[in-house]
Amino acid sequence: MPIRVDVADRVAELVFDHPPVNALDSAGWNSVPALISAAGGREDVRCVLIRAEGRGFCGGVDIKEMQAHPERIVQLNRGNYLTFKAVRECPVPVVVAIHGFVIGSGIGICGAADTILAADDAYFSLPEIDRGAMGGASHLSRMLPLHKVRAAFFTGGKITAEEAFRLGGVEKVVPRDRLLAEARAFCAIIAGKSRAALVLAKQALNGLEPRDVDHGYRFEQGFTLEMYMHEDSQAARDAFVHGKGQAAKF
């Protein structure tokens, strides 16, 4: 299984473990929301920790699937939308522990979560503009200032964990070998609280937000679909899959 769930000490851990880069196909992303909802709905769980094994936290979507089956974009969009929505609507707080690359859908998970802890090698990246897609800005805008998000979106550039911490999007940056211990210790503090209080606090905080991030992402996905229908999109995916990186000329 690309994702496993372990529960101990009132904390549910969802672990991405899908080599080589923790990128999921459309079926994979559509399986995630139920895992999150089930974990957060357990009466013995007071905090959900999402983390990953391997080279990086999450490589996003399976570009090879989209290159071979562009018609699956609707299913993929729905899986991503429901995943991020499940994170934000999880009854209890969701903490994300990131390392290495956090790309595309990985940003959606972080942006929908309540708190992010990062290893010192972590970075956020929105390469969609070079891969024939859109998406990710709605959730990154929940973490970082507008102009920082736009600069990253237009250039496909990276934002380091240290920079995200400086801007308030990350709670703590720790050495890579300390990430799991620090994340579990942080979750343990939350898990020591009343579940009823945590559930009410999560509802209150979500209700206080100035905009609906889920609605924003759904709006953004309309442009993703429009982009996928353009010939430049297929050319970008072909170039990526065949190892040409950004070589496609639009």
Protein backbone atom coordinates (compact mmCIF):
# COMPACT_ATOMS: atom_id res chain seq x y z
CA MET A 1 0.00 0.00 0.00
CA PRO A 2 1.32 3.49 -0.85
CA ILE A 3 -0.06 4.80 2.45
CA ARG A 4 -0.20 3.11 5.81
CA VAL A 5 -1.99 4.19 8.97
CA ASP A 6 -0.68 3.53 12.48
CA VAL A 7 -2.37 4.62 15.73
CA ALA A 8 -0.57 4.94 19.05
CA ASP A 9 -0.86 7.22 22.07
CA ARG A 10 -3.96 8.96 20.66
CA VAL A 11 -2.11 10.00 17.49
CA ALA A 12 -2.87 8.55 14.05
CA GLU A 13 0.07 8.56 11.64
CA LEU A 14 -0.60 8.50 7.90
CA VAL A 15 2.65 7.58 6.20
CA PHE A 16 3.30 8.04 2.48
CA ASP A 17 5.61 5.23 1.38
CA HIS A 18 5.39 4.94 -2.40
CA PRO A 19 8.83 4.93 -4.06
CA PRO A 20 10.46 6.54 -5.83
CA VAL A 21 8.94 9.98 -5.06
CA ASN A 22 5.62 9.43 -3.24
CA ALA A 23 3.62 10.52 -6.28
CA LEU A 24 0.17 8.94 -6.56
CA ASP A 25 -2.00 8.23 -9.58
CA SER A 26 -5.68 9.15 -9.82
CA ALA A 27 -6.81 5.98 -8.05
CA GLY A 28 -4.28 6.57 -5.28
CA TRP A 29 -5.40 10.12 -4.59
CA ASN A 30 -9.03 9.03 -4.56
CA SER A 31 -8.21 6.51 -1.82
CA VAL A 32 -6.65 9.05 0.55
CA PRO A 33 -9.71 11.03 1.74
CA ALA A 34 -11.34 8.01 3.36
CA LEU A 35 -8.11 7.20 5.24
CA ILE A 36 -7.90 10.71 6.64
CA SER A 37 -11.58 10.84 7.60
CA ALA A 38 -11.45 7.41 9.25
CA ALA A 39 -8.34 8.31 11.25
CA GLY A 40 -9.70 11.65 12.43
CA GLY A 41 -13.09 10.16 13.25
CA ARG A 42 -11.75 7.64 15.73
CA GLU A 43 -12.68 8.48 19.31
CA ASP A 44 -9.25 7.35 20.51
CA VAL A 45 -7.46 9.80 18.16
CA ARG A 46 -6.83 13.42 19.10
CA CYS A 47 -4.27 14.37 16.48
CA VAL A 48 -3.37 13.18 12.97
CA LEU A 49 0.25 13.26 11.81
CA ILE A 50 0.94 13.03 8.07
CA ARG A 51 4.52 12.20 7.15
CA ALA A 52 6.48 10.23 4.56
CA GLU A 53 9.31 7.80 4.03
CA GLY A 54 11.85 8.03 1.22
CA ARG A 55 13.58 10.84 -0.64
CA GLY A 56 10.91 13.48 -0.12
CA PHE A 57 7.50 14.12 1.35
CA CYS A 58 5.39 14.06 -1.81
CA GLY A 59 6.05 14.34 -5.54
CA GLY A 60 2.43 15.16 -6.31
CA VAL A 61 0.62 13.37 -9.10
CA ASP A 62 1.79 10.65 -11.44
CA ILE A 63 2.72 12.69 -14.53
CA LYS A 64 3.24 9.50 -16.53
CA GLU A 65 -0.39 8.53 -15.97
CA MET A 66 -1.56 11.94 -17.15
CA GLN A 67 0.74 11.78 -20.16
CA ALA A 68 -0.70 8.41 -21.17
CA HIS A 69 -4.30 9.05 -20.04
CA PRO A 70 -5.08 12.79 -20.07
CA GLU A 71 -8.80 11.95 -19.87
CA ARG A 72 -8.27 10.93 -16.24
CA ILE A 73 -7.74 14.55 -15.20
CA VAL A 74 -11.30 14.76 -13.87
CA GLN A 75 -10.79 11.78 -11.54
CA LEU A 76 -7.39 13.13 -10.49
CA ASN A 77 -8.79 16.59 -9.78
CA ARG A 78 -11.55 15.08 -7.67
CA GLY A 79 -9.12 12.94 -5.68
CA ASN A 80 -6.89 15.90 -4.92
CA TYR A 81 -9.80 18.16 -4.01
CA LEU A 82 -11.32 15.59 -1.65
CA THR A 83 -7.93 14.81 -0.08
CA PHE A 84 -7.20 18.41 0.83
CA LYS A 85 -10.78 18.96 1.95
CA ALA A 86 -10.54 15.90 4.22
CA VAL A 87 -7.37 17.29 5.79
CA ARG A 88 -8.94 20.67 6.49
CA GLU A 89 -12.23 19.16 7.70
CA CYS A 90 -10.59 16.45 9.80
CA PRO A 91 -12.31 16.69 13.22
CA VAL A 92 -8.98 16.89 15.06
CA PRO A 93 -5.81 18.88 14.33
CA VAL A 94 -3.64 17.67 11.45
CA VAL A 95 0.13 18.10 11.72
CA VAL A 96 2.36 17.55 8.68
CA ALA A 97 6.04 16.63 8.95
CA ILE A 98 7.88 17.31 5.69
CA HIS A 99 11.31 16.53 4.34
CA GLY A 100 12.96 16.87 0.96
CA PHE A 101 10.64 17.90 -1.85
CA VAL A 102 7.04 19.02 -1.32
CA ILE A 103 5.54 19.30 -4.79
CA GLY A 104 2.04 19.88 -6.17
CA SER A 105 -0.37 17.76 -4.15
CA GLY A 106 2.10 17.74 -1.27
CA ILE A 107 1.62 21.49 -1.04
CA GLY A 108 -2.14 20.97 -0.99
CA ILE A 109 -1.83 18.68 2.02
CA CYS A 110 0.41 21.17 3.84
CA GLY A 111 -1.79 24.13 2.98
CA ALA A 112 -4.90 22.33 4.24
CA ALA A 113 -3.25 21.20 7.48
CA ASP A 114 -3.15 22.95 10.84
CA THR A 115 0.60 22.94 11.50
CA ILE A 116 3.73 22.13 9.52
CA LEU A 117 7.06 20.96 10.91
CA ALA A 118 9.93 20.74 8.45
CA ALA A 119 13.32 19.13 8.12
CA ASP A 120 16.09 21.54 7.18
CA ASP A 121 16.33 19.96 3.70
CA ALA A 122 12.65 20.52 2.87
CA TYR A 123 11.42 22.84 0.14
CA PHE A 124 8.12 23.67 -1.54
CA SER A 125 7.86 23.71 -5.32
CA LEU A 126 5.10 24.52 -7.79
CA PRO A 127 6.38 23.17 -11.13
CA GLU A 128 2.92 23.01 -12.70
CA ILE A 129 3.60 25.83 -15.15
CA ASP A 130 6.33 23.66 -16.73
CA ARG A 131 4.23 20.50 -16.70
CA GLY A 132 1.12 21.66 -18.46
CA ALA A 133 -1.05 22.11 -15.38
CA MET A 134 -2.33 24.59 -12.83
CA GLY A 135 -3.14 24.13 -9.14
CA GLY A 136 -1.63 24.53 -5.68
CA ALA A 137 -1.81 28.30 -5.30
CA SER A 138 -5.00 28.26 -3.22
CA HIS A 139 -3.40 26.16 -0.50
CA LEU A 140 0.03 27.77 -0.67
CA SER A 141 -1.75 31.12 -0.21
CA ARG A 142 -3.01 29.79 3.12
CA MET A 143 0.62 29.49 4.21
CA LEU A 144 2.53 32.33 2.56
CA PRO A 145 2.06 35.95 1.39
CA LEU A 146 0.38 36.57 -1.96
CA HIS A 147 3.36 37.93 -3.86
CA LYS A 148 5.66 35.15 -2.67
CA VAL A 149 3.12 32.61 -3.94
CA ARG A 150 2.81 34.34 -7.30
CA ALA A 151 6.56 34.52 -7.80
CA ALA A 152 6.86 30.79 -7.13
CA PHE A 153 3.86 29.98 -9.33
CA PHE A 154 5.03 31.97 -12.36
CA THR A 155 8.64 30.75 -12.20
CA GLY A 156 8.12 27.20 -11.00
CA GLY A 157 10.67 28.06 -8.35
CA LYS A 158 11.38 26.67 -4.90
CA ILE A 159 10.67 28.02 -1.42
CA THR A 160 12.93 26.58 1.25
CA ALA A 161 11.66 25.50 4.63
CA GLU A 162 13.77 28.23 6.24
CA GLU A 163 12.11 30.86 4.05
CA ALA A 164 8.67 29.47 4.79
CA PHE A 165 9.51 29.55 8.51
CA ARG A 166 10.62 33.17 8.22
CA LEU A 167 7.30 34.02 6.58
CA GLY A 168 5.26 32.13 9.18
CA GLY A 169 4.13 29.17 7.09
CA VAL A 170 6.16 26.59 9.03
CA GLU A 171 6.11 26.15 12.80
CA LYS A 172 9.59 24.74 13.23
CA VAL A 173 12.61 23.68 11.16
CA VAL A 174 14.74 20.87 12.57
CA PRO A 175 17.61 18.64 11.41
CA ARG A 176 16.39 15.84 9.15
CA ASP A 177 17.32 13.12 11.64
CA ARG A 178 15.25 14.84 14.35
CA LEU A 179 12.09 15.41 12.30
CA LEU A 180 10.11 12.34 13.36
CA ALA A 181 10.93 12.73 17.05
CA GLU A 182 10.08 16.45 17.00
CA ALA A 183 6.83 15.83 15.13
CA ARG A 184 5.74 13.10 17.52
CA ALA A 185 6.60 15.27 20.51
CA PHE A 186 4.53 18.13 19.08
CA CYS A 187 1.60 15.82 18.40
CA ALA A 188 1.87 14.40 21.91
CA ILE A 189 1.19 17.87 23.33
CA ILE A 190 -1.98 18.13 21.24
CA ALA A 191 -2.98 14.54 22.07
CA GLY A 192 -2.90 15.42 25.75
CA LYS A 193 -5.83 17.80 25.33
CA SER A 194 -9.55 17.05 25.50
CA ARG A 195 -10.82 15.62 22.20
CA ALA A 196 -14.04 17.59 22.60
CA ALA A 197 -12.07 20.80 23.05
CA LEU A 198 -9.88 20.05 20.05
CA VAL A 199 -12.86 19.31 17.81
CA LEU A 200 -14.59 22.54 18.80
CA ALA A 201 -11.38 24.53 18.42
CA LYS A 202 -10.81 23.14 14.93
CA GLN A 203 -14.37 24.05 13.91
CA ALA A 204 -14.00 27.55 15.32
CA LEU A 205 -10.66 28.20 13.64
CA ASN A 206 -11.90 26.95 10.27
CA GLY A 207 -14.96 29.15 10.58
CA LEU A 208 -12.86 32.22 11.36
CA GLU A 209 -10.81 32.04 8.16
CA PRO A 210 -11.38 34.97 5.78
CA ARG A 211 -11.94 32.76 2.73
CA ASP A 212 -12.88 29.20 1.84
CA VAL A 213 -9.68 27.51 0.67
CA ASP A 214 -11.64 24.52 -0.66
CA HIS A 215 -13.83 26.74 -2.84
CA GLY A 216 -10.71 28.57 -4.01
CA TYR A 217 -9.02 25.34 -5.00
CA ARG A 218 -12.12 24.11 -6.85
CA PHE A 219 -12.14 27.39 -8.78
CA GLU A 220 -8.44 26.93 -9.54
CA GLN A 221 -9.04 23.39 -10.77
CA GLY A 222 -11.29 24.74 -13.51
CA PHE A 223 -8.21 26.36 -15.00
CA THR A 224 -6.29 23.11 -14.53
CA LEU A 225 -8.86 21.35 -16.68
CA GLU A 226 -8.72 24.12 -19.27
CA MET A 227 -4.92 23.89 -19.37
CA TYR A 228 -5.02 20.11 -19.76
CA MET A 229 -7.15 20.55 -22.88
CA HIS A 230 -4.48 22.73 -24.51
CA GLU A 231 -1.83 21.20 -26.78
CA ASP A 232 0.93 22.87 -24.74
CA SER A 233 -0.10 20.76 -21.77
CA GLN A 234 0.45 17.46 -23.55
CA ALA A 235 3.75 18.72 -24.93
CA ALA A 236 4.91 19.63 -21.42
CA ARG A 237 4.00 16.21 -20.04
CA ASP A 238 5.69 14.46 -22.95
CA ALA A 239 8.86 16.47 -22.35
CA PHE A 240 8.82 15.68 -18.64
CA VAL A 241 8.22 11.95 -19.08
CA HIS A 242 10.92 11.65 -21.73
CA GLY A 243 13.46 13.36 -19.49
CA LYS A 244 13.63 16.72 -21.23
CA GLY A 245 12.60 18.72 -18.18
CA GLN A 246 11.63 22.19 -19.34
CA ALA A 247 12.78 21.64 -22.91
CA ALA A 248 9.31 21.93 -24.41
CA LYS A 249 8.81 25.11 -26.41
CA PHE A 250 5.35 26.59 -26.19
